[in-house]
Each structure stands twice: as structure tokens, then as C-alpha cells.
Amino acid sequence: MGNPELCILLDSILVLLETDNTEKAKEVIKNGIKRIDRGMTSGSTDTDQK
């Protein structure tokens, strides 16, 4: 996950929290963590995905 993707993810979480949609925010956070974990375990980098 690159910096632009991370910024979008964080912005989405912020909007969800500001609108009191905490359950959806938790889901987005968990999915983001899974994506990061998959990227780290597979050894992929941002340049591998281009």
C-alpha cells in the first residue's frame, strides 16, 4: 500500500468517524491492516504492483 492509498484510507476513516459511523470505520481499519499484512508477508513492494 503506497502513500496515496494510505492517505485515501485515512481520509475515509476520518469521515466515517466524523459521521459517527464507527462500525464501518472499524471495518475499514481491519481491511487496511489485512492489506498491509498481505503486502509484508508476500514481499511485494509498491514497485512490484506497477
Protein backbone atom coordinates (compact mmCIF):
# COMPACT_ATOMS: atom_id res chain seq x y z
CA MET A 1 0.00 0.00 0.00
CA GLY A 2 1.56 3.26 -1.11
CA ASN A 3 1.30 6.73 0.36
CA PRO A 4 -1.63 7.87 -1.86
CA GLU A 5 -3.63 4.77 -0.93
CA LEU A 6 -2.84 5.27 2.75
CA CYS A 7 -3.97 8.91 2.60
CA ILE A 8 -7.26 7.89 0.98
CA LEU A 9 -7.76 5.18 3.59
CA LEU A 10 -7.09 7.57 6.48
CA ASP A 11 -9.34 10.24 4.97
CA SER A 12 -12.14 7.69 4.61
CA ILE A 13 -11.75 6.62 8.23
CA LEU A 14 -11.82 10.24 9.38
CA VAL A 15 -15.07 10.91 7.50
CA LEU A 16 -16.64 7.78 8.95
CA LEU A 17 -15.65 8.78 12.48
CA GLU A 18 -16.92 12.34 11.99
CA THR A 19 -20.31 10.95 10.95
CA ASP A 20 -20.44 8.58 13.95
CA ASN A 21 -20.16 5.53 11.69
CA THR A 22 -17.71 3.79 14.00
CA GLU A 23 -18.58 0.23 12.99
CA LYS A 24 -17.80 0.94 9.33
CA ALA A 25 -14.61 2.76 10.38
CA LYS A 26 -13.52 -0.33 12.32
CA GLU A 27 -14.19 -2.49 9.27
CA VAL A 28 -12.14 -0.18 7.02
CA ILE A 29 -9.26 -0.23 9.54
CA LYS A 30 -9.32 -4.04 9.78
CA ASN A 31 -9.34 -4.39 5.98
CA GLY A 32 -6.43 -1.93 5.70
CA ILE A 33 -4.42 -3.91 8.24
CA LYS A 34 -5.08 -7.12 6.31
CA ARG A 35 -3.88 -5.48 3.07
CA ILE A 36 -0.71 -4.24 4.75
CA ASP A 37 -0.07 -7.67 6.33
CA ARG A 38 -0.55 -9.41 2.98
CA GLY A 39 1.88 -6.99 1.34
CA MET A 40 4.50 -7.56 4.02
CA THR A 41 4.22 -11.36 4.01
CA SER A 42 4.24 -11.66 0.23
CA GLY A 43 7.33 -9.49 -0.01
CA SER A 44 5.68 -7.21 -2.53
CA THR A 45 6.57 -3.55 -2.75
CA ASP A 46 4.94 -0.59 -4.43
CA THR A 47 7.20 -1.06 -7.44
CA ASP A 48 6.08 -4.70 -7.78
CA GLN A 49 2.50 -3.59 -8.26
CA LYS A 50 3.16 -1.14 -11.12
